[in-house]
């Protein structure tokens, strides 16, 4: 189940970026991206952890570059999101390989994929809103975002200490 979700996420990430870059005439880059996508697919099957780290860096960098040269934000967001989901699922599958066999692995996979899907949906909604609504970034917004970031890091540290 996790590998199927990994394949779908990888196809979404690589496919979105390849489509956008192909439309702009970056043929050599598209061929390289598709070749790397095939390699990442094979590496995910073999559970090579280092490949997912390279993959996430490559896909997010290409999505960021695409935004910088003013490609369609929708394709770039889909590409980065697909890459992030594929990276997360590759790491999750690697952790499942060392999980105790007493665990119900199917339930763990289902819960993880459900959470990942919800996070992806919220991310797409927030990205869509940010594309449609332009707000001026003032000092007050900076303070609010800093407080939210500090609260988030505090919650993360507390969660990590408990587990």
Protein backbone atom coordinates (compact mmCIF):
# COMPACT_ATOMS: atom_id res chain seq x y z
CA UNK A 1 0.00 0.00 0.00
CA UNK A 2 2.80 2.44 0.89
CA UNK A 3 4.76 1.66 -2.25
CA UNK A 4 1.67 2.32 -4.39
CA UNK A 5 1.18 5.71 -2.70
CA UNK A 6 4.91 6.37 -3.18
CA UNK A 7 4.60 5.66 -6.92
CA UNK A 8 1.56 7.92 -7.27
CA UNK A 9 3.29 10.74 -5.36
CA UNK A 10 6.44 10.39 -7.41
CA UNK A 11 4.49 10.42 -10.66
CA UNK A 12 2.65 13.53 -9.52
CA UNK A 13 5.85 15.34 -8.55
CA UNK A 14 8.03 14.40 -11.50
CA UNK A 15 5.14 14.52 -13.98
CA UNK A 16 4.02 18.00 -12.97
CA UNK A 17 7.50 19.46 -13.22
CA UNK A 18 8.24 17.61 -16.46
CA UNK A 19 5.00 18.90 -18.01
CA UNK A 20 5.71 22.49 -17.03
CA UNK A 21 9.34 22.45 -18.15
CA UNK A 22 8.46 20.64 -21.37
CA UNK A 23 5.93 23.33 -22.21
CA UNK A 24 8.69 25.93 -21.89
CA UNK A 25 11.07 24.00 -24.16
CA UNK A 26 13.54 22.62 -21.60
CA UNK A 27 13.78 19.26 -23.40
CA UNK A 28 17.12 18.11 -21.99
CA UNK A 29 16.07 18.97 -18.44
CA UNK A 30 12.80 17.08 -18.90
CA UNK A 31 14.66 13.98 -20.11
CA UNK A 32 17.01 14.17 -17.12
CA UNK A 33 14.09 14.66 -14.75
CA UNK A 34 12.23 11.66 -16.16
CA UNK A 35 15.38 9.54 -15.93
CA UNK A 36 15.88 10.60 -12.33
CA UNK A 37 12.23 9.83 -11.60
CA UNK A 38 12.72 6.30 -12.93
CA UNK A 39 15.87 5.95 -10.83
CA UNK A 40 14.06 7.21 -7.72
CA UNK A 41 11.29 4.71 -8.36
CA UNK A 42 13.85 1.90 -8.49
CA UNK A 43 15.67 3.26 -5.43
CA UNK A 44 12.38 3.37 -3.51
CA UNK A 45 11.78 -0.26 -4.35
CA UNK A 46 15.31 -1.13 -3.17
CA UNK A 47 14.88 1.11 -0.05
CA UNK A 48 17.94 3.22 -0.77
CA UNK A 49 17.52 6.06 1.73
CA UNK A 50 20.00 8.45 0.12
CA UNK A 51 18.06 8.60 -3.15
CA UNK A 52 14.99 10.14 -1.54
CA UNK A 53 17.14 12.88 0.01
CA UNK A 54 18.57 13.77 -3.38
CA UNK A 55 15.11 13.52 -4.94
CA UNK A 56 13.45 15.94 -2.56
CA UNK A 57 16.25 18.47 -3.02
CA UNK A 58 16.05 18.19 -6.79
CA UNK A 59 12.27 18.45 -7.05
CA UNK A 60 11.94 21.35 -4.61
CA UNK A 61 14.85 23.18 -6.29
CA UNK A 62 13.27 22.72 -9.73
CA UNK A 63 9.90 23.88 -8.41
CA UNK A 64 11.51 26.94 -6.83
CA UNK A 65 13.43 27.72 -10.01
CA UNK A 66 10.24 27.32 -12.01
CA UNK A 67 8.50 29.85 -9.77
CA UNK A 68 11.47 32.17 -10.09
CA UNK A 69 11.29 32.15 -13.89
CA UNK A 70 7.51 32.61 -13.61
CA UNK A 71 6.13 29.22 -14.61
CA UNK A 72 2.60 28.34 -13.58
CA UNK A 73 2.52 28.16 -9.78
CA UNK A 74 0.02 25.28 -9.87
CA UNK A 75 2.43 22.94 -11.65
CA UNK A 76 5.32 23.97 -9.42
CA UNK A 77 3.30 23.46 -6.23
CA UNK A 78 2.10 20.05 -7.47
CA UNK A 79 5.67 19.10 -8.31
CA UNK A 80 7.05 20.13 -4.93
CA UNK A 81 4.15 18.52 -3.09
CA UNK A 82 4.54 15.27 -5.00
CA UNK A 83 8.25 15.26 -4.22
CA UNK A 84 7.64 15.92 -0.53
CA UNK A 85 5.06 13.16 -0.34
CA UNK A 86 7.33 10.70 -2.19
CA UNK A 87 10.21 11.55 0.15
CA UNK A 88 8.01 11.09 3.22
CA UNK A 89 6.67 7.77 1.99
CA UNK A 90 10.15 6.51 1.09
CA UNK A 91 11.34 7.27 4.61
CA UNK A 92 8.19 5.71 6.08
CA UNK A 93 8.69 2.51 4.09
CA UNK A 94 12.29 2.35 5.27
CA UNK A 95 11.14 2.67 8.90
CA UNK A 96 8.51 -0.01 8.34
CA UNK A 97 11.24 -2.44 7.33
CA UNK A 98 12.68 -2.29 10.85
CA UNK A 99 9.33 -2.16 12.66
CA UNK A 100 8.56 -5.05 14.97
CA UNK A 101 6.49 -7.72 13.29
CA UNK A 102 4.03 -7.61 16.20
CA UNK A 103 2.80 -4.23 14.95
CA UNK A 104 -0.18 -4.16 12.65
CA UNK A 105 1.69 -2.74 9.66
CA UNK A 106 -1.41 -2.36 7.49
CA UNK A 107 -3.05 -0.07 10.08
CA UNK A 108 0.17 1.93 10.44
CA UNK A 109 0.33 2.40 6.69
CA UNK A 110 -3.30 3.40 6.45
CA UNK A 111 -3.00 5.97 9.25
CA UNK A 112 0.19 7.42 7.80
CA UNK A 113 -1.22 7.73 4.28
CA UNK A 114 -4.42 9.27 5.66
CA UNK A 115 -2.47 11.87 7.64
CA UNK A 116 -0.21 12.59 4.69
CA UNK A 117 -3.22 13.06 2.42
CA UNK A 118 -4.86 15.48 4.87
CA UNK A 119 -1.64 17.48 5.20
CA UNK A 120 -1.31 17.58 1.40
CA UNK A 121 -4.90 18.80 0.99
CA UNK A 122 -4.41 21.54 3.59
CA UNK A 123 -1.12 22.50 1.92
CA UNK A 124 -2.73 22.78 -1.51
CA UNK A 125 -5.58 24.85 -0.07
CA UNK A 126 -3.17 27.22 1.68
CA UNK A 127 -0.99 27.48 -1.43
CA UNK A 128 -4.06 28.22 -3.54
CA UNK A 129 -5.20 30.89 -1.13
CA UNK A 130 -1.73 32.45 -1.11
CA UNK A 131 -1.78 32.63 -4.91
CA UNK A 132 -5.19 34.29 -4.96
CA UNK A 133 -4.81 36.66 -2.01
CA UNK A 134 -1.97 39.14 -1.82
CA UNK A 135 -1.27 40.50 1.64
CA UNK A 136 1.30 43.10 2.56
CA UNK A 137 3.96 41.66 4.86
CA UNK A 138 4.26 44.14 7.71
CA UNK A 139 6.16 44.09 10.98
CA UNK A 140 3.06 42.87 12.83
CA UNK A 141 2.73 39.87 10.49
CA UNK A 142 6.41 39.13 11.10
CA UNK A 143 5.86 39.09 14.86
CA UNK A 144 2.81 36.82 14.53
CA UNK A 145 4.65 34.41 12.24
CA UNK A 146 7.66 34.36 14.59
CA UNK A 147 5.41 33.54 17.55
CA UNK A 148 3.68 30.78 15.58
CA UNK A 149 7.08 29.35 14.54
CA UNK A 150 8.33 29.38 18.15
CA UNK A 151 5.13 27.70 19.31
CA UNK A 152 5.47 25.07 16.58
CA UNK A 153 9.09 24.30 17.46
CA UNK A 154 8.15 24.09 21.14
CA UNK A 155 5.37 21.64 20.36
CA UNK A 156 7.71 19.59 18.17
CA UNK A 157 10.34 19.37 20.92
CA UNK A 158 7.70 18.37 23.47
CA UNK A 159 6.35 15.72 21.11
CA UNK A 160 9.84 14.34 20.46
CA UNK A 161 10.60 14.15 24.18
CA UNK A 162 7.42 12.16 24.81
CA UNK A 163 8.21 9.65 22.06
